[in-house]
Amino acid sequence: MAFAVLVFCLRAVQFDAVWKETEKFIKVGLWGVNVGLALMVVLDLFLGGVLQLWDSIANGYWHARRLTFLMGGLYHKLERVRVAGDTIFIFAGAVPIALGVLRSVWKRDVVPSA
């Protein structure tokens, strides 16, 4: 929802010719954010939840929430795998969107030549 409001506002302050160039940054950024979030969910959150569920069924809820479980073994290694999704989120998502916003601010008053 926040991206929709951001894009709506960016589009409102630019002429069509200027928007066509800014739109490229926004499209890349939107896909980067979505792919990065999907990787974070698939590589870390879902698998970590399955591990915790399995451990809570086997040993009890208290055991799956202990710091020794969370900071050791496969659960902790999954947190390091999440870095792949974080990197894509930042460099393919957040950076292009930030560049698009900066471009919008710099070029908002540019009147296209008729």
PDB file of N, CA and C in Angstrom:
ATOM      1  N   MET A   1       0.822  -1.177   0.000  1.00  0.00           N
ATOM      2  CA  MET A   1       0.000   0.000   0.000  1.00  0.00           C
ATOM      3  C   MET A   1       0.873   1.251   0.000  1.00  0.00           C
ATOM      4  N   ALA A   2       1.953   1.201   0.744  1.00  0.00           N
ATOM      5  CA  ALA A   2       2.845   2.358   0.794  1.00  0.00           C
ATOM      6  C   ALA A   2       3.482   2.619  -0.569  1.00  0.00           C
ATOM      7  N   PHE A   3       3.832   1.552  -1.292  1.00  0.00           N
ATOM      8  CA  PHE A   3       4.398   1.732  -2.631  1.00  0.00           C
ATOM      9  C   PHE A   3       3.375   2.334  -3.581  1.00  0.00           C
ATOM     10  N   ALA A   4       2.134   1.935  -3.448  1.00  0.00           N
ATOM     11  CA  ALA A   4       1.089   2.474  -4.310  1.00  0.00           C
ATOM     12  C   ALA A   4       0.930   3.974  -4.075  1.00  0.00           C
ATOM     13  N   VAL A   5       0.950   4.404  -2.833  1.00  0.00           N
ATOM     14  CA  VAL A   5       0.838   5.830  -2.526  1.00  0.00           C
ATOM     15  C   VAL A   5       2.072   6.573  -3.032  1.00  0.00           C
ATOM     16  N   LEU A   6       3.243   5.981  -2.847  1.00  0.00           N
ATOM     17  CA  LEU A   6       4.480   6.594  -3.318  1.00  0.00           C
ATOM     18  C   LEU A   6       4.450   6.791  -4.832  1.00  0.00           C
ATOM     19  N   VAL A   7       4.078   5.763  -5.567  1.00  0.00           N
ATOM     20  CA  VAL A   7       4.035   5.850  -7.028  1.00  0.00           C
ATOM     21  C   VAL A   7       2.957   6.840  -7.472  1.00  0.00           C
ATOM     22  N   PHE A   8       1.832   6.837  -6.808  1.00  0.00           N
ATOM     23  CA  PHE A   8       0.769   7.790  -7.141  1.00  0.00           C
ATOM     24  C   PHE A   8       1.262   9.229  -6.987  1.00  0.00           C
ATOM     25  N   CYS A   9       1.942   9.498  -5.897  1.00  0.00           N
ATOM     26  CA  CYS A   9       2.441  10.853  -5.661  1.00  0.00           C
ATOM     27  C   CYS A   9       3.554  11.220  -6.636  1.00  0.00           C
ATOM     28  N   LEU A  10       4.455  10.278  -6.900  1.00  0.00           N
ATOM     29  CA  LEU A  10       5.530  10.556  -7.855  1.00  0.00           C
ATOM     30  C   LEU A  10       4.965  10.847  -9.237  1.00  0.00           C
ATOM     31  N   ARG A  11       3.969  10.082  -9.621  1.00  0.00           N
ATOM     32  CA  ARG A  11       3.360  10.277 -10.943  1.00  0.00           C
ATOM     33  C   ARG A  11       2.658  11.623 -11.028  1.00  0.00           C
ATOM     34  N   ALA A  12       2.097  12.078  -9.942  1.00  0.00           N
ATOM     35  CA  ALA A  12       1.336  13.331  -9.946  1.00  0.00           C
ATOM     36  C   ALA A  12       2.223  14.561 -10.105  1.00  0.00           C
ATOM     37  N   VAL A  13       3.488  14.475  -9.707  1.00  0.00           N
ATOM     38  CA  VAL A  13       4.350  15.666  -9.748  1.00  0.00           C
ATOM     39  C   VAL A  13       5.205  15.728 -11.010  1.00  0.00           C
ATOM     40  N   GLN A  14       5.004  14.808 -11.958  1.00  0.00           N
ATOM     41  CA  GLN A  14       5.846  14.790 -13.155  1.00  0.00           C
ATOM     42  C   GLN A  14       5.016  14.841 -14.428  1.00  0.00           C
ATOM     43  N   PHE A  15       5.647  15.390 -15.454  1.00  0.00           N
ATOM     44  CA  PHE A  15       5.055  15.350 -16.781  1.00  0.00           C
ATOM     45  C   PHE A  15       5.250  13.960 -17.375  1.00  0.00           C
ATOM     46  N   ASP A  16       4.493  13.641 -18.411  1.00  0.00           N
ATOM     47  CA  ASP A  16       4.543  12.302 -19.019  1.00  0.00           C
ATOM     48  C   ASP A  16       5.933  11.931 -19.516  1.00  0.00           C
ATOM     49  N   ALA A  17       6.621  12.855 -20.158  1.00  0.00           N
ATOM     50  CA  ALA A  17       7.944  12.561 -20.714  1.00  0.00           C
ATOM     51  C   ALA A  17       8.956  12.255 -19.609  1.00  0.00           C
ATOM     52  N   VAL A  18       8.886  12.980 -18.522  1.00  0.00           N
ATOM     53  CA  VAL A  18       9.801  12.756 -17.403  1.00  0.00           C
ATOM     54  C   VAL A  18       9.434  11.456 -16.681  1.00  0.00           C
ATOM     55  N   TRP A  19       8.146  11.177 -16.565  1.00  0.00           N
ATOM     56  CA  TRP A  19       7.690   9.982 -15.862  1.00  0.00           C
ATOM     57  C   TRP A  19       8.156   8.702 -16.537  1.00  0.00           C
ATOM     58  N   LYS A  20       8.251   8.687 -17.868  1.00  0.00           N
ATOM     59  CA  LYS A  20       8.660   7.479 -18.587  1.00  0.00           C
ATOM     60  C   LYS A  20      10.041   7.014 -18.149  1.00  0.00           C
ATOM     61  N   GLU A  21      10.936   7.935 -17.872  1.00  0.00           N
ATOM     62  CA  GLU A  21      12.277   7.570 -17.395  1.00  0.00           C
ATOM     63  C   GLU A  21      12.251   7.145 -15.926  1.00  0.00           C
ATOM     64  N   THR A  22      11.479   7.837 -15.110  1.00  0.00           N
ATOM     65  CA  THR A  22      11.382   7.490 -13.689  1.00  0.00           C
ATOM     66  C   THR A  22      10.700   6.147 -13.499  1.00  0.00           C
ATOM     67  N   GLU A  23       9.749   5.833 -14.363  1.00  0.00           N
ATOM     68  CA  GLU A  23       8.995   4.589 -14.252  1.00  0.00           C
ATOM     69  C   GLU A  23       9.892   3.363 -14.342  1.00  0.00           C
ATOM     70  N   LYS A  24      10.984   3.457 -15.088  1.00  0.00           N
ATOM     71  CA  LYS A  24      11.923   2.336 -15.203  1.00  0.00           C
ATOM     72  C   LYS A  24      12.520   1.991 -13.833  1.00  0.00           C
ATOM     73  N   PHE A  25      12.903   3.004 -13.084  1.00  0.00           N
ATOM     74  CA  PHE A  25      13.446   2.779 -11.745  1.00  0.00           C
ATOM     75  C   PHE A  25      12.400   2.146 -10.829  1.00  0.00           C
ATOM     76  N   ILE A  26      11.181   2.643 -10.920  1.00  0.00           N
ATOM     77  CA  ILE A  26      10.112   2.150 -10.050  1.00  0.00           C
ATOM     78  C   ILE A  26       9.786   0.700 -10.363  1.00  0.00           C
ATOM     79  N   LYS A  27       9.740   0.337 -11.642  1.00  0.00           N
ATOM     80  CA  LYS A  27       9.439  -1.054 -12.014  1.00  0.00           C
ATOM     81  C   LYS A  27      10.509  -2.009 -11.508  1.00  0.00           C
ATOM     82  N   VAL A  28      11.771  -1.653 -11.707  1.00  0.00           N
ATOM     83  CA  VAL A  28      12.865  -2.505 -11.220  1.00  0.00           C
ATOM     84  C   VAL A  28      12.809  -2.610  -9.704  1.00  0.00           C
ATOM     85  N   GLY A  29      12.584  -1.488  -9.038  1.00  0.00           N
ATOM     86  CA  GLY A  29      12.526  -1.481  -7.578  1.00  0.00           C
ATOM     87  C   GLY A  29      11.380  -2.306  -7.031  1.00  0.00           C
ATOM     88  N   LEU A  30      10.221  -2.218  -7.673  1.00  0.00           N
ATOM     89  CA  LEU A  30       9.072  -2.988  -7.199  1.00  0.00           C
ATOM     90  C   LEU A  30       9.327  -4.489  -7.328  1.00  0.00           C
ATOM     91  N   TRP A  31       9.886  -4.908  -8.454  1.00  0.00           N
ATOM     92  CA  TRP A  31      10.212  -6.333  -8.612  1.00  0.00           C
ATOM     93  C   TRP A  31      11.305  -6.766  -7.640  1.00  0.00           C
ATOM     94  N   GLY A  32      12.300  -5.915  -7.431  1.00  0.00           N
ATOM     95  CA  GLY A  32      13.372  -6.247  -6.487  1.00  0.00           C
ATOM     96  C   GLY A  32      12.868  -6.411  -5.066  1.00  0.00           C
ATOM     97  N   VAL A  33      11.979  -5.526  -4.651  1.00  0.00           N
ATOM     98  CA  VAL A  33      11.402  -5.618  -3.304  1.00  0.00           C
ATOM     99  C   VAL A  33      10.599  -6.911  -3.160  1.00  0.00           C
ATOM    100  N   ASN A  34       9.772  -7.214  -4.146  1.00  0.00           N
ATOM    101  CA  ASN A  34       8.936  -8.415  -4.059  1.00  0.00           C
ATOM    102  C   ASN A  34       9.751  -9.702  -4.093  1.00  0.00           C
ATOM    103  N   VAL A  35      10.757  -9.768  -4.957  1.00  0.00           N
ATOM    104  CA  VAL A  35      11.608 -10.966  -5.023  1.00  0.00           C
ATOM    105  C   VAL A  35      12.402 -11.110  -3.728  1.00  0.00           C
ATOM    106  N   GLY A  36      12.950 -10.009  -3.219  1.00  0.00           N
ATOM    107  CA  GLY A  36      13.701 -10.064  -1.967  1.00  0.00           C
ATOM    108  C   GLY A  36      12.845 -10.523  -0.800  1.00  0.00           C
ATOM    109  N   LEU A  37      11.626  -9.998  -0.689  1.00  0.00           N
ATOM    110  CA  LEU A  37      10.732 -10.431   0.387  1.00  0.00           C
ATOM    111  C   LEU A  37      10.339 -11.899   0.236  1.00  0.00           C
ATOM    112  N   ALA A  38      10.092 -12.327  -0.993  1.00  0.00           N
ATOM    113  CA  ALA A  38       9.738 -13.735  -1.221  1.00  0.00           C
ATOM    114  C   ALA A  38      10.884 -14.652  -0.811  1.00  0.00           C
ATOM    115  N   LEU A  39      12.107 -14.279  -1.143  1.00  0.00           N
ATOM    116  CA  LEU A  39      13.259 -15.100  -0.737  1.00  0.00           C
ATOM    117  C   LEU A  39      13.421 -15.127   0.780  1.00  0.00           C
ATOM    118  N   MET A  40      13.185 -14.002   1.428  1.00  0.00           N
ATOM    119  CA  MET A  40      13.270 -13.980   2.891  1.00  0.00           C
ATOM    120  C   MET A  40      12.246 -14.931   3.509  1.00  0.00           C
ATOM    121  N   VAL A  41      11.046 -14.926   2.971  1.00  0.00           N
ATOM    122  CA  VAL A  41       9.994 -15.797   3.504  1.00  0.00           C
ATOM    123  C   VAL A  41      10.323 -17.259   3.250  1.00  0.00           C
ATOM    124  N   VAL A  42      10.711 -17.581   2.018  1.00  0.00           N
ATOM    125  CA  VAL A  42      10.942 -18.979   1.650  1.00  0.00           C
ATOM    126  C   VAL A  42      12.196 -19.538   2.316  1.00  0.00           C
ATOM    127  N   LEU A  43      13.288 -18.770   2.299  1.00  0.00           N
ATOM    128  CA  LEU A  43      14.563 -19.291   2.792  1.00  0.00           C
ATOM    129  C   LEU A  43      14.693 -19.274   4.308  1.00  0.00           C
ATOM    130  N   ASP A  44      14.011 -18.363   4.975  1.00  0.00           N
ATOM    131  CA  ASP A  44      14.217 -18.243   6.418  1.00  0.00           C
ATOM    132  C   ASP A  44      12.931 -18.411   7.221  1.00  0.00           C
ATOM    133  N   LEU A  45      11.961 -17.594   6.981  1.00  0.00           N
ATOM    134  CA  LEU A  45      10.794 -17.565   7.864  1.00  0.00           C
ATOM    135  C   LEU A  45       9.978 -18.851   7.809  1.00  0.00           C
ATOM    136  N   PHE A  46       9.709 -19.364   6.621  1.00  0.00           N
ATOM    137  CA  PHE A  46       8.918 -20.587   6.515  1.00  0.00           C
ATOM    138  C   PHE A  46       9.677 -21.778   7.084  1.00  0.00           C
ATOM    139  N   LEU A  47      10.926 -21.948   6.669  1.00  0.00           N
ATOM    140  CA  LEU A  47      11.710 -23.091   7.160  1.00  0.00           C
ATOM    141  C   LEU A  47      11.982 -22.989   8.653  1.00  0.00           C
ATOM    142  N   GLY A  48      12.248 -21.773   9.135  1.00  0.00           N
ATOM    143  CA  GLY A  48      12.435 -21.592  10.573  1.00  0.00           C
ATOM    144  C   GLY A  48      11.177 -21.907  11.355  1.00  0.00           C
ATOM    145  N   GLY A  49      10.027 -21.530  10.812  1.00  0.00           N
ATOM    146  CA  GLY A  49       8.760 -21.856  11.464  1.00  0.00           C
ATOM    147  C   GLY A  49       8.496 -23.343  11.498  1.00  0.00           C
ATOM    148  N   VAL A  50       8.845 -24.029  10.415  1.00  0.00           N
ATOM    149  CA  VAL A  50       8.683 -25.483  10.389  1.00  0.00           C
ATOM    150  C   VAL A  50       9.595 -26.135  11.425  1.00  0.00           C
ATOM    151  N   LEU A  51      10.830 -25.657  11.529  1.00  0.00           N
ATOM    152  CA  LEU A  51      11.746 -26.204  12.544  1.00  0.00           C
ATOM    153  C   LEU A  51      11.218 -25.974  13.957  1.00  0.00           C
ATOM    154  N   GLN A  52      10.713 -24.787  14.209  1.00  0.00           N
ATOM    155  CA  GLN A  52      10.167 -24.509  15.541  1.00  0.00           C
ATOM    156  C   GLN A  52       8.920 -25.345  15.821  1.00  0.00           C
ATOM    157  N   LEU A  53       8.081 -25.505  14.833  1.00  0.00           N
ATOM    158  CA  LEU A  53       6.895 -26.336  15.015  1.00  0.00           C
ATOM    159  C   LEU A  53       7.290 -27.776  15.335  1.00  0.00           C
ATOM    160  N   TRP A  54       8.223 -28.297  14.578  1.00  0.00           N
ATOM    161  CA  TRP A  54       8.685 -29.672  14.801  1.00  0.00           C
ATOM    162  C   TRP A  54       9.268 -29.834  16.202  1.00  0.00           C
ATOM    163  N   ASP A  55      10.076 -28.862  16.618  1.00  0.00           N
ATOM    164  CA  ASP A  55      10.688 -28.938  17.950  1.00  0.00           C
ATOM    165  C   ASP A  55       9.649 -28.764  19.052  1.00  0.00           C
ATOM    166  N   SER A  56       8.669 -27.902  18.839  1.00  0.00           N
ATOM    167  CA  SER A  56       7.655 -27.721  19.882  1.00  0.00           C
ATOM    168  C   SER A  56       6.758 -28.952  20.008  1.00  0.00           C
ATOM    169  N   ILE A  57       6.526 -29.654  18.907  1.00  0.00           N
ATOM    170  CA  ILE A  57       5.751 -30.894  18.982  1.00  0.00           C
ATOM    171  C   ILE A  57       6.550 -31.977  19.693  1.00  0.00           C
ATOM    172  N   ALA A  58       7.846 -32.056  19.383  1.00  0.00           N
ATOM    173  CA  ALA A  58       8.695 -33.095  19.966  1.00  0.00           C
ATOM    174  C   ALA A  58       9.054 -32.815  21.422  1.00  0.00           C
ATOM    175  N   ASN A  59       9.383 -31.545  21.749  1.00  0.00           N
ATOM    176  CA  ASN A  59       9.924 -31.245  23.084  1.00  0.00           C
ATOM    177  C   ASN A  59       9.096 -30.259  23.897  1.00  0.00           C
ATOM    178  N   GLY A  60       8.096 -29.678  23.314  1.00  0.00           N
ATOM    179  CA  GLY A  60       7.289 -28.686  24.020  1.00  0.00           C
ATOM    180  C   GLY A  60       7.592 -27.279  23.546  1.00  0.00           C
ATOM    181  N   TYR A  61       6.594 -26.426  23.725  1.00  0.00           N
ATOM    182  CA  TYR A  61       6.709 -25.049  23.262  1.00  0.00           C
ATOM    183  C   TYR A  61       7.869 -24.314  23.928  1.00  0.00           C
ATOM    184  N   TRP A  62       8.076 -24.559  25.182  1.00  0.00           N
ATOM    185  CA  TRP A  62       9.133 -23.881  25.927  1.00  0.00           C
ATOM    186  C   TRP A  62      10.502 -24.156  25.312  1.00  0.00           C
ATOM    187  N   HIS A  63      10.707 -25.362  24.793  1.00  0.00           N
ATOM    188  CA  HIS A  63      12.008 -25.728  24.234  1.00  0.00           C
ATOM    189  C   HIS A  63      12.268 -24.997  22.917  1.00  0.00           C
ATOM    190  N   ALA A  64      11.237 -24.832  22.097  1.00  0.00           N
ATOM    191  CA  ALA A  64      11.394 -24.173  20.793  1.00  0.00           C
ATOM    192  C   ALA A  64      11.607 -22.675  20.928  1.00  0.00           C
ATOM    193  N   ARG A  65      11.311 -22.096  22.078  1.00  0.00           N
ATOM    194  CA  ARG A  65      11.483 -20.660  22.294  1.00  0.00           C
ATOM    195  C   ARG A  65      12.725 -20.325  23.103  1.00  0.00           C
ATOM    196  N   ARG A  66      13.477 -21.331  23.508  1.00  0.00           N
ATOM    197  CA  ARG A  66      14.688 -21.084  24.290  1.00  0.00           C
ATOM    198  C   ARG A  66      15.770 -20.465  23.431  1.00  0.00           C
ATOM    199  N   LEU A  67      16.612 -19.683  24.053  1.00  0.00           N
ATOM    200  CA  LEU A  67      17.697 -19.020  23.346  1.00  0.00           C
ATOM    201  C   LEU A  67      18.692 -20.036  22.783  1.00  0.00           C
ATOM    202  N   THR A  68      18.880 -21.136  23.460  1.00  0.00           N
ATOM    203  CA  THR A  68      19.807 -22.154  22.954  1.00  0.00           C
ATOM    204  C   THR A  68      19.317 -22.757  21.644  1.00  0.00           C
ATOM    205  N   PHE A  69      18.000 -22.887  21.478  1.00  0.00           N
ATOM    206  CA  PHE A  69      17.459 -23.391  20.214  1.00  0.00           C
ATOM    207  C   PHE A  69      17.566 -22.328  19.128  1.00  0.00           C
ATOM    208  N   LEU A  70      17.232 -21.086  19.475  1.00  0.00           N
ATOM    209  CA  LEU A  70      17.212 -20.015  18.484  1.00  0.00           C
ATOM    210  C   LEU A  70      18.606 -19.624  18.006  1.00  0.00           C
ATOM    211  N   MET A  71      19.599 -19.760  18.850  1.00  0.00           N
ATOM    212  CA  MET A  71      20.948 -19.326  18.498  1.00  0.00           C
ATOM    213  C   MET A  71      21.883 -20.467  18.116  1.00  0.00           C
ATOM    214  N   GLY A  72      21.362 -21.650  17.954  1.00  0.00           N
ATOM    215  CA  GLY A  72      22.236 -22.763  17.617  1.00  0.00           C
ATOM    216  C   GLY A  72      21.644 -23.646  16.538  1.00  0.00           C
ATOM    217  N   GLY A  73      22.492 -24.404  15.914  1.00  0.00           N
ATOM    218  CA  GLY A  73      22.041 -25.405  14.959  1.00  0.00           C
ATOM    219  C   GLY A  73      21.520 -24.837  13.652  1.00  0.00           C
ATOM    220  N   LEU A  74      20.627 -25.589  13.039  1.00  0.00           N
ATOM    221  CA  LEU A  74      20.098 -25.258  11.725  1.00  0.00           C
ATOM    222  C   LEU A  74      19.270 -23.970  11.745  1.00  0.00           C
ATOM    223  N   TYR A  75      18.563 -23.710  12.817  1.00  0.00           N
ATOM    224  CA  TYR A  75      17.732 -22.504  12.899  1.00  0.00           C
ATOM    225  C   TYR A  75      18.589 -21.248  12.738  1.00  0.00           C
ATOM    226  N   HIS A  76      19.722 -21.216  13.398  1.00  0.00           N
ATOM    227  CA  HIS A  76      20.604 -20.052  13.313  1.00  0.00           C
ATOM    228  C   HIS A  76      21.243 -19.954  11.928  1.00  0.00           C
ATOM    229  N   LYS A  77      21.551 -21.072  11.306  1.00  0.00           N
ATOM    230  CA  LYS A  77      22.125 -21.057   9.955  1.00  0.00           C
ATOM    231  C   LYS A  77      21.118 -20.529   8.936  1.00  0.00           C
ATOM    232  N   LEU A  78      19.840 -20.802   9.139  1.00  0.00           N
ATOM    233  CA  LEU A  78      18.819 -20.290   8.230  1.00  0.00           C
ATOM    234  C   LEU A  78      18.758 -18.766   8.261  1.00  0.00           C
ATOM    235  N   GLU A  79      19.056 -18.171   9.395  1.00  0.00           N
ATOM    236  CA  GLU A  79      19.081 -16.721   9.476  1.00  0.00           C
ATOM    237  C   GLU A  79      20.182 -16.135   8.611  1.00  0.00           C
ATOM    238  N   ARG A  80      21.271 -16.855   8.470  1.00  0.00           N
ATOM    239  CA  ARG A  80      22.368 -16.394   7.611  1.00  0.00           C
ATOM    240  C   ARG A  80      22.034 -16.561   6.132  1.00  0.00           C
ATOM    241  N   VAL A  81      21.218 -17.542   5.799  1.00  0.00           N
ATOM    242  CA  VAL A  81      20.793 -17.738   4.412  1.00  0.00           C
ATOM    243  C   VAL A  81      19.879 -16.600   3.975  1.00  0.00           C
ATOM    244  N   ARG A  82      19.207 -16.000   4.918  1.00  0.00           N
ATOM    245  CA  ARG A  82      18.297 -14.895   4.621  1.00  0.00           C
ATOM    246  C   ARG A  82      19.023 -13.705   4.007  1.00  0.00           C
ATOM    247  N   VAL A  83      20.326 -13.621   4.171  1.00  0.00           N
ATOM    248  CA  VAL A  83      21.103 -12.505   3.636  1.00  0.00           C
ATOM    249  C   VAL A  83      20.927 -12.378   2.121  1.00  0.00           C
ATOM    250  N   ALA A  84      20.707 -13.489   1.429  1.00  0.00           N
ATOM    251  CA  ALA A  84      20.489 -13.433  -0.016  1.00  0.00           C
ATOM    252  C   ALA A  84      19.240 -12.605  -0.330  1.00  0.00           C
ATOM    253  N   GLY A  85      18.168 -12.863   0.366  1.00  0.00           N
ATOM    254  CA  GLY A  85      16.946 -12.077   0.166  1.00  0.00           C
ATOM    255  C   GLY A  85      17.110 -10.632   0.584  1.00  0.00           C
ATOM    256  N   ASP A  86      17.830 -10.401   1.680  1.00  0.00           N
ATOM    257  CA  ASP A  86      18.078  -9.036   2.132  1.00  0.00           C
ATOM    258  C   ASP A  86      18.868  -8.239   1.104  1.00  0.00           C
ATOM    259  N   THR A  87      19.876  -8.873   0.520  1.00  0.00           N
ATOM    260  CA  THR A  87      20.716  -8.197  -0.466  1.00  0.00           C
ATOM    261  C   THR A  87      19.912  -7.814  -1.703  1.00  0.00           C
ATOM    262  N   ILE A  88      19.091  -8.727  -2.185  1.00  0.00           N
ATOM    263  CA  ILE A  88      18.252  -8.421  -3.344  1.00  0.00           C
ATOM    264  C   ILE A  88      17.256  -7.323  -3.001  1.00  0.00           C
ATOM    265  N   PHE A  89      16.672  -7.395  -1.811  1.00  0.00           N
ATOM    266  CA  PHE A  89      15.726  -6.372  -1.366  1.00  0.00           C
ATOM    267  C   PHE A  89      16.373  -4.991  -1.388  1.00  0.00           C
ATOM    268  N   ILE A  90      17.600  -4.898  -0.890  1.00  0.00           N
ATOM    269  CA  ILE A  90      18.263  -3.597  -0.792  1.00  0.00           C
ATOM    270  C   ILE A  90      18.722  -3.096  -2.152  1.00  0.00           C
ATOM    271  N   PHE A  91      19.520  -3.920  -2.866  1.00  0.00           N
ATOM    272  CA  PHE A  91      20.170  -3.423  -4.077  1.00  0.00           C
ATOM    273  C   PHE A  91      19.285  -3.457  -5.316  1.00  0.00           C
ATOM    274  N   ALA A  92      18.342  -4.375  -5.404  1.00  0.00           N
ATOM    275  CA  ALA A  92      17.456  -4.419  -6.565  1.00  0.00           C
ATOM    276  C   ALA A  92      16.105  -3.795  -6.264  1.00  0.00           C
ATOM    277  N   GLY A  93      15.830  -3.498  -4.990  1.00  0.00           N
ATOM    278  CA  GLY A  93      14.537  -2.945  -4.625  1.00  0.00           C
ATOM    279  C   GLY A  93      14.615  -1.536  -4.073  1.00  0.00           C
ATOM    280  N   ALA A  94      15.247  -1.396  -2.932  1.00  0.00           N
ATOM    281  CA  ALA A  94      15.249  -0.108  -2.242  1.00  0.00           C
ATOM    282  C   ALA A  94      16.088   0.945  -2.965  1.00  0.00           C
ATOM    283  N   VAL A  95      17.236   0.552  -3.496  1.00  0.00           N
ATOM    284  CA  VAL A  95      18.104   1.527  -4.168  1.00  0.00           C
ATOM    285  C   VAL A  95      17.459   2.087  -5.436  1.00  0.00           C
ATOM    286  N   PRO A  96      16.911   1.244  -6.344  1.00  0.00           N
ATOM    287  CA  PRO A  96      16.242   1.835  -7.519  1.00  0.00           C
ATOM    288  C   PRO A  96      15.045   2.715  -7.165  1.00  0.00           C
ATOM    289  N   ILE A  97      14.296   2.342  -6.151  1.00  0.00           N
ATOM    290  CA  ILE A  97      13.166   3.180  -5.744  1.00  0.00           C
ATOM    291  C   ILE A  97      13.663   4.521  -5.208  1.00  0.00           C
ATOM    292  N   ALA A  98      14.723   4.486  -4.407  1.00  0.00           N
ATOM    293  CA  ALA A  98      15.293   5.734  -3.891  1.00  0.00           C
ATOM    294  C   ALA A  98      15.818   6.601  -5.035  1.00  0.00           C
ATOM    295  N   LEU A  99      16.450   5.984  -6.025  1.00  0.00           N
ATOM    296  CA  LEU A  99      16.928   6.744  -7.182  1.00  0.00           C
ATOM    297  C   LEU A  99      15.755   7.337  -7.972  1.00  0.00           C
ATOM    298  N   GLY A 100      14.684   6.581  -8.093  1.00  0.00           N
ATOM    299  CA  GLY A 100      13.498   7.098  -8.770  1.00  0.00           C
ATOM    300  C   GLY A 100      12.886   8.277  -8.027  1.00  0.00           C
ATOM    301  N   VAL A 101      12.855   8.199  -6.715  1.00  0.00           N
ATOM    302  CA  VAL A 101      12.326   9.308  -5.911  1.00  0.00           C
ATOM    303  C   VAL A 101      13.220  10.542  -6.059  1.00  0.00           C
ATOM    304  N   LEU A 102      14.534  10.337  -5.976  1.00  0.00           N
ATOM    305  CA  LEU A 102      15.455  11.467  -6.135  1.00  0.00           C
ATOM    306  C   LEU A 102      15.335  12.082  -7.529  1.00  0.00           C
ATOM    307  N   ARG A 103      15.208  11.236  -8.537  1.00  0.00           N
ATOM    308  CA  ARG A 103      15.027  11.732  -9.903  1.00  0.00           C
ATOM    309  C   ARG A 103      13.734  12.531 -10.004  1.00  0.00           C
ATOM    310  N   SER A 104      12.700  12.080  -9.342  1.00  0.00           N
ATOM    311  CA  SER A 104      11.421  12.797  -9.361  1.00  0.00           C
ATOM    312  C   SER A 104      11.547  14.174  -8.730  1.00  0.00           C
ATOM    313  N   VAL A 105      12.287  14.246  -7.649  1.00  0.00           N
ATOM    314  CA  VAL A 105      12.460  15.537  -6.981  1.00  0.00           C
ATOM    315  C   VAL A 105      13.275  16.486  -7.854  1.00  0.00           C
ATOM    316  N   TRP A 106      14.327  15.971  -8.469  1.00  0.00           N
ATOM    317  CA  TRP A 106      15.180  16.820  -9.302  1.00  0.00           C
ATOM    318  C   TRP A 106      14.482  17.272 -10.575  1.00  0.00           C
ATOM    319  N   LYS A 107      13.673  16.428 -11.166  1.00  0.00           N
ATOM    320  CA  LYS A 107      13.083  16.711 -12.483  1.00  0.00           C
ATOM    321  C   LYS A 107      11.604  17.125 -12.415  1.00  0.00           C
ATOM    322  N   ARG A 108      11.065  17.380 -11.262  1.00  0.00           N
ATOM    323  CA  ARG A 108       9.627  17.627 -11.170  1.00  0.00           C
ATOM    324  C   ARG A 108       9.184  18.903 -11.864  1.00  0.00           C
ATOM    325  N   ASP A 109      10.055  19.892 -11.968  1.00  0.00           N
ATOM    326  CA  ASP A 109       9.677  21.153 -12.581  1.00  0.00           C
ATOM    327  C   ASP A 109      10.113  21.264 -14.032  1.00  0.00           C
ATOM    328  N   VAL A 110      10.682  20.197 -14.563  1.00  0.00           N
ATOM    329  CA  VAL A 110      11.164  20.246 -15.947  1.00  0.00           C
ATOM    330  C   VAL A 110       9.969  20.175 -16.887  1.00  0.00           C
ATOM    331  N   VAL A 111       9.849  21.167 -17.729  1.00  0.00           N
ATOM    332  CA  VAL A 111       8.763  21.198 -18.710  1.00  0.00           C
ATOM    333  C   VAL A 111       9.298  20.594 -19.993  1.00  0.00           C
ATOM    334  N   PRO A 112       8.646  19.566 -20.530  1.00  0.00           N
ATOM    335  CA  PRO A 112       9.157  18.955 -21.754  1.00  0.00           C
ATOM    336  C   PRO A 112       9.018  19.897 -22.937  1.00  0.00           C
ATOM    337  N   SER A 113       9.986  19.781 -23.817  1.00  0.00           N
ATOM    338  CA  SER A 113       9.938  20.637 -25.016  1.00  0.00           C
ATOM    339  C   SER A 113       8.835  20.156 -25.949  1.00  0.00           C
ATOM    340  N   ALA A 114       8.072  21.080 -26.442  1.00  0.00           N
ATOM    341  CA  ALA A 114       6.922  20.728 -27.291  1.00  0.00           C
ATOM    342  C   ALA A 114       7.350  20.644 -28.689  1.00  0.00           C
TER     343      ALA A 114
END
